[in-house]
PDB file of all heavy atoms in Angstrom:
ATOM      1  N   SER A   1       0.826  -1.210   0.000  1.00  0.00           N
ATOM      2  CA  SER A   1       0.000   0.000   0.000  1.00  0.00           C
ATOM      3  C   SER A   1       0.858   1.257   0.000  1.00  0.00           C
ATOM      4  O   SER A   1       0.478   2.275  -0.577  1.00  0.00           O
ATOM      5  CB  SER A   1      -0.948   0.002   1.205  1.00  0.00           C
ATOM      6  OG  SER A   1      -0.243   0.195   2.416  1.00  0.00           O
ATOM      7  N   ASN A   2       2.032   1.184   0.633  1.00  0.00           N
ATOM      8  CA  ASN A   2       2.920   2.344   0.624  1.00  0.00           C
ATOM      9  C   ASN A   2       3.505   2.601  -0.767  1.00  0.00           C
ATOM     10  O   ASN A   2       3.721   3.747  -1.147  1.00  0.00           O
ATOM     11  CB  ASN A   2       4.046   2.150   1.639  1.00  0.00           C
ATOM     12  CG  ASN A   2       3.654   2.601   3.035  1.00  0.00           C
ATOM     13  OD1 ASN A   2       3.790   3.752   3.399  1.00  0.00           O
ATOM     14  ND2 ASN A   2       3.117   1.665   3.802  1.00  0.00           N
ATOM     15  N   ILE A   3       3.750   1.537  -1.509  1.00  0.00           N
ATOM     16  CA  ILE A   3       4.185   1.727  -2.894  1.00  0.00           C
ATOM     17  C   ILE A   3       3.010   2.214  -3.743  1.00  0.00           C
ATOM     18  O   ILE A   3       3.157   3.090  -4.596  1.00  0.00           O
ATOM     19  CB  ILE A   3       4.752   0.416  -3.467  1.00  0.00           C
ATOM     20  CG1 ILE A   3       5.974  -0.029  -2.656  1.00  0.00           C
ATOM     21  CG2 ILE A   3       5.136   0.580  -4.937  1.00  0.00           C
ATOM     22  CD1 ILE A   3       6.539  -1.374  -3.076  1.00  0.00           C
ATOM     23  N   GLY A   4       1.817   1.660  -3.478  1.00  0.00           N
ATOM     24  CA  GLY A   4       0.636   2.048  -4.254  1.00  0.00           C
ATOM     25  C   GLY A   4       0.254   3.502  -4.090  1.00  0.00           C
ATOM     26  O   GLY A   4      -0.230   4.140  -5.037  1.00  0.00           O
ATOM     27  N   THR A   5       0.498   4.067  -2.910  1.00  0.00           N
ATOM     28  CA  THR A   5       0.109   5.453  -2.687  1.00  0.00           C
ATOM     29  C   THR A   5       0.983   6.427  -3.468  1.00  0.00           C
ATOM     30  O   THR A   5       0.642   7.602  -3.616  1.00  0.00           O
ATOM     31  CB  THR A   5       0.157   5.782  -1.175  1.00  0.00           C
ATOM     32  OG1 THR A   5      -0.594   6.968  -0.921  1.00  0.00           O
ATOM     33  CG2 THR A   5       1.586   5.993  -0.698  1.00  0.00           C
ATOM     34  N   THR A   6       2.132   5.948  -3.993  1.00  0.00           N
ATOM     35  CA  THR A   6       2.992   6.817  -4.803  1.00  0.00           C
ATOM     36  C   THR A   6       2.385   7.088  -6.171  1.00  0.00           C
ATOM     37  O   THR A   6       2.860   7.968  -6.895  1.00  0.00           O
ATOM     38  CB  THR A   6       4.386   6.188  -4.990  1.00  0.00           C
ATOM     39  OG1 THR A   6       4.281   4.992  -5.761  1.00  0.00           O
ATOM     40  CG2 THR A   6       5.029   5.867  -3.651  1.00  0.00           C
ATOM     41  N   VAL A   7       1.354   6.323  -6.540  1.00  0.00           N
ATOM     42  CA  VAL A   7       0.695   6.541  -7.831  1.00  0.00           C
ATOM     43  C   VAL A   7       0.087   7.943  -7.891  1.00  0.00           C
ATOM     44  O   VAL A   7      -0.018   8.542  -8.970  1.00  0.00           O
ATOM     45  CB  VAL A   7      -0.369   5.456  -8.066  1.00  0.00           C
ATOM     46  CG1 VAL A   7      -1.194   5.754  -9.319  1.00  0.00           C
ATOM     47  CG2 VAL A   7       0.292   4.088  -8.184  1.00  0.00           C
ATOM     48  N   THR A   8      -0.316   8.486  -6.736  1.00  0.00           N
ATOM     49  CA  THR A   8      -0.869   9.850  -6.711  1.00  0.00           C
ATOM     50  C   THR A   8       0.103  10.845  -7.344  1.00  0.00           C
ATOM     51  O   THR A   8      -0.288  11.699  -8.148  1.00  0.00           O
ATOM     52  CB  THR A   8      -1.172  10.281  -5.262  1.00  0.00           C
ATOM     53  OG1 THR A   8      -2.093   9.375  -4.681  1.00  0.00           O
ATOM     54  CG2 THR A   8      -1.762  11.685  -5.230  1.00  0.00           C
ATOM     55  N   GLY A   9       1.366  10.739  -6.969  1.00  0.00           N
ATOM     56  CA  GLY A   9       2.367  11.642  -7.534  1.00  0.00           C
ATOM     57  C   GLY A   9       2.469  11.513  -9.031  1.00  0.00           C
ATOM     58  O   GLY A   9       2.622  12.513  -9.744  1.00  0.00           O
ATOM     59  N   TRP A  10       2.368  10.291  -9.538  1.00  0.00           N
ATOM     60  CA  TRP A  10       2.438  10.091 -10.982  1.00  0.00           C
ATOM     61  C   TRP A  10       1.213  10.655 -11.689  1.00  0.00           C
ATOM     62  O   TRP A  10       1.314  11.161 -12.816  1.00  0.00           O
ATOM     63  CB  TRP A  10       2.595   8.600 -11.285  1.00  0.00           C
ATOM     64  CG  TRP A  10       3.941   8.078 -10.892  1.00  0.00           C
ATOM     65  CD1 TRP A  10       4.255   7.266  -9.852  1.00  0.00           C
ATOM     66  CD2 TRP A  10       5.180   8.376 -11.542  1.00  0.00           C
ATOM     67  NE1 TRP A  10       5.599   7.029  -9.796  1.00  0.00           N
ATOM     68  CE2 TRP A  10       6.200   7.697 -10.829  1.00  0.00           C
ATOM     69  CE3 TRP A  10       5.539   9.153 -12.649  1.00  0.00           C
ATOM     70  CZ2 TRP A  10       7.537   7.760 -11.187  1.00  0.00           C
ATOM     71  CZ3 TRP A  10       6.873   9.222 -13.006  1.00  0.00           C
ATOM     72  CH2 TRP A  10       7.856   8.533 -12.290  1.00  0.00           C
ATOM     73  N   ILE A  11       0.040  10.562 -11.051  1.00  0.00           N
ATOM     74  CA  ILE A  11      -1.165  11.159 -11.637  1.00  0.00           C
ATOM     75  C   ILE A  11      -0.989  12.667 -11.769  1.00  0.00           C
ATOM     76  O   ILE A  11      -1.271  13.274 -12.812  1.00  0.00           O
ATOM     77  CB  ILE A  11      -2.410  10.832 -10.796  1.00  0.00           C
ATOM     78  CG1 ILE A  11      -2.721   9.331 -10.857  1.00  0.00           C
ATOM     79  CG2 ILE A  11      -3.620  11.633 -11.276  1.00  0.00           C
ATOM     80  CD1 ILE A  11      -3.860   8.907  -9.955  1.00  0.00           C
ATOM     81  N   VAL A  12      -0.510  13.282 -10.672  1.00  0.00           N
ATOM     82  CA  VAL A  12      -0.309  14.739 -10.692  1.00  0.00           C
ATOM     83  C   VAL A  12       0.753  15.122 -11.721  1.00  0.00           C
ATOM     84  O   VAL A  12       0.597  16.080 -12.479  1.00  0.00           O
ATOM     85  CB  VAL A  12       0.087  15.248  -9.294  1.00  0.00           C
ATOM     86  CG1 VAL A  12       0.398  16.738  -9.327  1.00  0.00           C
ATOM     87  CG2 VAL A  12      -1.031  14.964  -8.297  1.00  0.00           C
ATOM     88  N   ALA A  13       1.858  14.359 -11.763  1.00  0.00           N
ATOM     89  CA  ALA A  13       2.954  14.681 -12.672  1.00  0.00           C
ATOM     90  C   ALA A  13       2.575  14.471 -14.127  1.00  0.00           C
ATOM     91  O   ALA A  13       2.936  15.273 -15.006  1.00  0.00           O
ATOM     92  CB  ALA A  13       4.178  13.832 -12.324  1.00  0.00           C
ATOM     93  N   ALA A  14       1.826  13.395 -14.397  1.00  0.00           N
ATOM     94  CA  ALA A  14       1.525  13.055 -15.783  1.00  0.00           C
ATOM     95  C   ALA A  14       0.325  13.805 -16.334  1.00  0.00           C
ATOM     96  O   ALA A  14       0.283  14.150 -17.513  1.00  0.00           O
ATOM     97  CB  ALA A  14       1.284  11.549 -15.896  1.00  0.00           C
ATOM     98  N   VAL A  15      -0.654  14.067 -15.454  1.00  0.00           N
ATOM     99  CA  VAL A  15      -1.900  14.678 -15.924  1.00  0.00           C
ATOM    100  C   VAL A  15      -2.024  16.127 -15.473  1.00  0.00           C
ATOM    101  O   VAL A  15      -2.451  17.000 -16.226  1.00  0.00           O
ATOM    102  CB  VAL A  15      -3.127  13.868 -15.422  1.00  0.00           C
ATOM    103  CG1 VAL A  15      -4.414  14.515 -15.873  1.00  0.00           C
ATOM    104  CG2 VAL A  15      -3.040  12.427 -15.902  1.00  0.00           C
ATOM    105  N   GLY A  16      -1.603  16.372 -14.246  1.00  0.00           N
ATOM    106  CA  GLY A  16      -1.883  17.663 -13.625  1.00  0.00           C
ATOM    107  C   GLY A  16      -1.237  18.847 -14.292  1.00  0.00           C
ATOM    108  O   GLY A  16      -1.690  19.977 -14.125  1.00  0.00           O
ATOM    109  N   PHE A  17      -0.184  18.658 -15.045  1.00  0.00           N
ATOM    110  CA  PHE A  17       0.521  19.810 -15.605  1.00  0.00           C
ATOM    111  C   PHE A  17       0.612  19.751 -17.129  1.00  0.00           C
ATOM    112  O   PHE A  17       1.383  20.460 -17.745  1.00  0.00           O
ATOM    113  CB  PHE A  17       1.932  19.889 -15.013  1.00  0.00           C
ATOM    114  CG  PHE A  17       1.927  19.948 -13.515  1.00  0.00           C
ATOM    115  CD1 PHE A  17       2.243  18.829 -12.764  1.00  0.00           C
ATOM    116  CD2 PHE A  17       1.562  21.108 -12.853  1.00  0.00           C
ATOM    117  CE1 PHE A  17       2.222  18.878 -11.379  1.00  0.00           C
ATOM    118  CE2 PHE A  17       1.543  21.163 -11.464  1.00  0.00           C
ATOM    119  CZ  PHE A  17       1.867  20.043 -10.728  1.00  0.00           C
ATOM    120  N   SER A  18      -0.213  18.866 -17.743  1.00  0.00           N
ATOM    121  CA  SER A  18      -0.135  18.749 -19.199  1.00  0.00           C
ATOM    122  C   SER A  18      -1.480  18.895 -19.883  1.00  0.00           C
ATOM    123  O   SER A  18      -1.541  18.928 -21.109  1.00  0.00           O
ATOM    124  CB  SER A  18       0.469  17.391 -19.570  1.00  0.00           C
ATOM    125  OG  SER A  18      -0.302  16.331 -19.028  1.00  0.00           O
ATOM    126  N   VAL A  19      -2.579  18.949 -19.120  1.00  0.00           N
ATOM    127  CA  VAL A  19      -3.901  19.094 -19.733  1.00  0.00           C
ATOM    128  C   VAL A  19      -4.671  20.174 -18.984  1.00  0.00           C
ATOM    129  O   VAL A  19      -4.321  20.566 -17.869  1.00  0.00           O
ATOM    130  CB  VAL A  19      -4.702  17.765 -19.680  1.00  0.00           C
ATOM    131  CG1 VAL A  19      -3.988  16.678 -20.442  1.00  0.00           C
ATOM    132  CG2 VAL A  19      -4.953  17.334 -18.250  1.00  0.00           C
ATOM    133  N   ASN A  20      -5.758  20.643 -19.629  1.00  0.00           N
ATOM    134  CA  ASN A  20      -6.661  21.591 -18.994  1.00  0.00           C
ATOM    135  C   ASN A  20      -7.544  20.804 -18.028  1.00  0.00           C
ATOM    136  O   ASN A  20      -8.503  20.155 -18.443  1.00  0.00           O
ATOM    137  CB  ASN A  20      -7.505  22.302 -20.056  1.00  0.00           C
ATOM    138  CG  ASN A  20      -8.397  23.372 -19.442  1.00  0.00           C
ATOM    139  OD1 ASN A  20      -8.641  23.391 -18.242  1.00  0.00           O
ATOM    140  ND2 ASN A  20      -8.885  24.277 -20.275  1.00  0.00           N
ATOM    141  N   LEU A  21      -7.187  20.856 -16.751  1.00  0.00           N
ATOM    142  CA  LEU A  21      -7.852  19.990 -15.787  1.00  0.00           C
ATOM    143  C   LEU A  21      -9.333  20.308 -15.618  1.00  0.00           C
ATOM    144  O   LEU A  21     -10.152  19.408 -15.477  1.00  0.00           O
ATOM    145  CB  LEU A  21      -7.135  20.086 -14.434  1.00  0.00           C
ATOM    146  CG  LEU A  21      -5.769  19.406 -14.359  1.00  0.00           C
ATOM    147  CD1 LEU A  21      -5.182  19.578 -12.977  1.00  0.00           C
ATOM    148  CD2 LEU A  21      -5.879  17.935 -14.688  1.00  0.00           C
ATOM    149  N   LYS A  22      -9.685  21.594 -15.635  1.00  0.00           N
ATOM    150  CA  LYS A  22     -11.094  21.940 -15.452  1.00  0.00           C
ATOM    151  C   LYS A  22     -11.945  21.406 -16.597  1.00  0.00           C
ATOM    152  O   LYS A  22     -13.059  20.930 -16.389  1.00  0.00           O
ATOM    153  CB  LYS A  22     -11.256  23.456 -15.327  1.00  0.00           C
ATOM    154  CG  LYS A  22     -11.042  23.964 -13.911  1.00  0.00           C
ATOM    155  CD  LYS A  22     -11.572  25.367 -13.765  1.00  0.00           C
ATOM    156  CE  LYS A  22     -11.496  25.804 -12.293  1.00  0.00           C
ATOM    157  NZ  LYS A  22     -12.019  27.175 -12.102  1.00  0.00           N
ATOM    158  N   ALA A  23     -11.396  21.482 -17.814  1.00  0.00           N
ATOM    159  CA  ALA A  23     -12.135  20.984 -18.966  1.00  0.00           C
ATOM    160  C   ALA A  23     -12.357  19.478 -18.866  1.00  0.00           C
ATOM    161  O   ALA A  23     -13.355  18.941 -19.351  1.00  0.00           O
ATOM    162  CB  ALA A  23     -11.391  21.319 -20.257  1.00  0.00           C
ATOM    163  N   PHE A  24     -11.432  18.789 -18.210  1.00  0.00           N
ATOM    164  CA  PHE A  24     -11.548  17.343 -18.054  1.00  0.00           C
ATOM    165  C   PHE A  24     -12.311  16.965 -16.788  1.00  0.00           C
ATOM    166  O   PHE A  24     -13.077  16.004 -16.766  1.00  0.00           O
ATOM    167  CB  PHE A  24     -10.135  16.736 -18.020  1.00  0.00           C
ATOM    168  CG  PHE A  24     -10.125  15.252 -17.857  1.00  0.00           C
ATOM    169  CD1 PHE A  24     -10.559  14.416 -18.879  1.00  0.00           C
ATOM    170  CD2 PHE A  24      -9.685  14.663 -16.675  1.00  0.00           C
ATOM    171  CE1 PHE A  24     -10.545  13.035 -18.738  1.00  0.00           C
ATOM    172  CE2 PHE A  24      -9.671  13.282 -16.523  1.00  0.00           C
ATOM    173  CZ  PHE A  24     -10.103  12.469 -17.562  1.00  0.00           C
ATOM    174  N   ALA A  25     -12.122  17.759 -15.710  1.00  0.00           N
ATOM    175  CA  ALA A  25     -12.685  17.410 -14.409  1.00  0.00           C
ATOM    176  C   ALA A  25     -14.197  17.581 -14.355  1.00  0.00           C
ATOM    177  O   ALA A  25     -14.910  16.730 -13.805  1.00  0.00           O
ATOM    178  CB  ALA A  25     -12.030  18.251 -13.315  1.00  0.00           C
ATOM    179  N   LEU A  26     -14.703  18.662 -14.911  1.00  0.00           N
ATOM    180  CA  LEU A  26     -16.143  18.940 -14.810  1.00  0.00           C
ATOM    181  C   LEU A  26     -17.000  17.852 -15.465  1.00  0.00           C
ATOM    182  O   LEU A  26     -18.007  17.436 -14.877  1.00  0.00           O
ATOM    183  CB  LEU A  26     -16.459  20.313 -15.393  1.00  0.00           C
ATOM    184  CG  LEU A  26     -15.932  21.497 -14.560  1.00  0.00           C
ATOM    185  CD1 LEU A  26     -16.200  22.815 -15.269  1.00  0.00           C
ATOM    186  CD2 LEU A  26     -16.574  21.502 -13.173  1.00  0.00           C
ATOM    187  N   PRO A  27     -16.646  17.364 -16.667  1.00  0.00           N
ATOM    188  CA  PRO A  27     -17.433  16.253 -17.226  1.00  0.00           C
ATOM    189  C   PRO A  27     -17.378  14.986 -16.355  1.00  0.00           C
ATOM    190  O   PRO A  27     -18.363  14.247 -16.279  1.00  0.00           O
ATOM    191  CB  PRO A  27     -16.770  16.011 -18.593  1.00  0.00           C
ATOM    192  CG  PRO A  27     -16.136  17.301 -18.947  1.00  0.00           C
ATOM    193  CD  PRO A  27     -15.661  17.869 -17.642  1.00  0.00           C
ATOM    194  N   VAL A  28     -16.224  14.758 -15.702  1.00  0.00           N
ATOM    195  CA  VAL A  28     -16.115  13.582 -14.832  1.00  0.00           C
ATOM    196  C   VAL A  28     -17.049  13.736 -13.630  1.00  0.00           C
ATOM    197  O   VAL A  28     -17.726  12.787 -13.224  1.00  0.00           O
ATOM    198  CB  VAL A  28     -14.655  13.390 -14.363  1.00  0.00           C
ATOM    199  CG1 VAL A  28     -14.559  12.259 -13.337  1.00  0.00           C
ATOM    200  CG2 VAL A  28     -13.750  13.088 -15.551  1.00  0.00           C
ATOM    201  N   VAL A  29     -17.097  14.941 -13.048  1.00  0.00           N
ATOM    202  CA  VAL A  29     -18.023  15.196 -11.931  1.00  0.00           C
ATOM    203  C   VAL A  29     -19.462  15.019 -12.396  1.00  0.00           C
ATOM    204  O   VAL A  29     -20.296  14.426 -11.690  1.00  0.00           O
ATOM    205  CB  VAL A  29     -17.806  16.612 -11.368  1.00  0.00           C
ATOM    206  CG1 VAL A  29     -18.876  16.932 -10.318  1.00  0.00           C
ATOM    207  CG2 VAL A  29     -16.417  16.742 -10.759  1.00  0.00           C
ATOM    208  N   ALA A  30     -19.770  15.521 -13.598  1.00  0.00           N
ATOM    209  CA  ALA A  30     -21.130  15.394 -14.136  1.00  0.00           C
ATOM    210  C   ALA A  30     -21.502  13.929 -14.339  1.00  0.00           C
ATOM    211  O   ALA A  30     -22.630  13.504 -14.035  1.00  0.00           O
ATOM    212  CB  ALA A  30     -21.231  16.152 -15.453  1.00  0.00           C
ATOM    213  N   LEU A  31     -20.543  13.137 -14.852  1.00  0.00           N
ATOM    214  CA  LEU A  31     -20.797  11.705 -15.031  1.00  0.00           C
ATOM    215  C   LEU A  31     -21.082  11.042 -13.690  1.00  0.00           C
ATOM    216  O   LEU A  31     -21.998  10.217 -13.571  1.00  0.00           O
ATOM    217  CB  LEU A  31     -19.590  11.046 -15.704  1.00  0.00           C
ATOM    218  CG  LEU A  31     -19.638   9.526 -15.841  1.00  0.00           C
ATOM    219  CD1 LEU A  31     -20.822   9.099 -16.709  1.00  0.00           C
ATOM    220  CD2 LEU A  31     -18.327   8.991 -16.434  1.00  0.00           C
ATOM    221  N   GLY A  32     -20.300  11.410 -12.675  1.00  0.00           N
ATOM    222  CA  GLY A  32     -20.533  10.856 -11.348  1.00  0.00           C
ATOM    223  C   GLY A  32     -21.905  11.209 -10.807  1.00  0.00           C
ATOM    224  O   GLY A  32     -22.606  10.355 -10.245  1.00  0.00           O
ATOM    225  N   ALA A  33     -22.304  12.464 -10.991  1.00  0.00           N
ATOM    226  CA  ALA A  33     -23.627  12.892 -10.518  1.00  0.00           C
ATOM    227  C   ALA A  33     -24.734  12.145 -11.250  1.00  0.00           C
ATOM    228  O   ALA A  33     -25.751  11.751 -10.650  1.00  0.00           O
ATOM    229  CB  ALA A  33     -23.773  14.394 -10.722  1.00  0.00           C
ATOM    230  N   LEU A  34     -24.547  11.934 -12.562  1.00  0.00           N
ATOM    231  CA  LEU A  34     -25.548  11.218 -13.350  1.00  0.00           C
ATOM    232  C   LEU A  34     -25.698   9.781 -12.872  1.00  0.00           C
ATOM    233  O   LEU A  34     -26.819   9.268 -12.731  1.00  0.00           O
ATOM    234  CB  LEU A  34     -25.145  11.241 -14.829  1.00  0.00           C
ATOM    235  CG  LEU A  34     -26.126  10.580 -15.803  1.00  0.00           C
ATOM    236  CD1 LEU A  34     -27.478  11.309 -15.783  1.00  0.00           C
ATOM    237  CD2 LEU A  34     -25.568  10.585 -17.227  1.00  0.00           C
ATOM    238  N   LEU A  35     -24.574   9.129 -12.593  1.00  0.00           N
ATOM    239  CA  LEU A  35     -24.627   7.758 -12.091  1.00  0.00           C
ATOM    240  C   LEU A  35     -25.302   7.695 -10.725  1.00  0.00           C
ATOM    241  O   LEU A  35     -26.083   6.783 -10.441  1.00  0.00           O
ATOM    242  CB  LEU A  35     -23.212   7.182 -11.998  1.00  0.00           C
ATOM    243  CG  LEU A  35     -22.505   6.889 -13.321  1.00  0.00           C
ATOM    244  CD1 LEU A  35     -21.054   6.496 -13.075  1.00  0.00           C
ATOM    245  CD2 LEU A  35     -23.226   5.778 -14.077  1.00  0.00           C
ATOM    246  N   ARG A  36     -25.001   8.647  -9.857  1.00  0.00           N
ATOM    247  CA  ARG A  36     -25.598   8.688  -8.519  1.00  0.00           C
ATOM    248  C   ARG A  36     -27.105   8.900  -8.600  1.00  0.00           C
ATOM    249  O   ARG A  36     -27.888   8.225  -7.921  1.00  0.00           O
ATOM    250  CB  ARG A  36     -24.919   9.785  -7.701  1.00  0.00           C
ATOM    251  CG  ARG A  36     -25.680  10.285  -6.485  1.00  0.00           C
ATOM    252  CD  ARG A  36     -26.029   9.211  -5.498  1.00  0.00           C
ATOM    253  NE  ARG A  36     -24.891   8.687  -4.763  1.00  0.00           N
ATOM    254  CZ  ARG A  36     -25.002   7.795  -3.790  1.00  0.00           C
ATOM    255  NH1 ARG A  36     -26.203   7.318  -3.461  1.00  0.00           N
ATOM    256  NH2 ARG A  36     -23.938   7.343  -3.163  1.00  0.00           N
TER     257      ARG A  36
END
């Protein structure tokens, strides 16, 4: 689990600084709300 928690850093490094996060995040939140 301690090795697995390092994946967070890779998500931030790979996604967080190379794409428009708001443009990607809002549809994901909307999908979650629709499923709920």
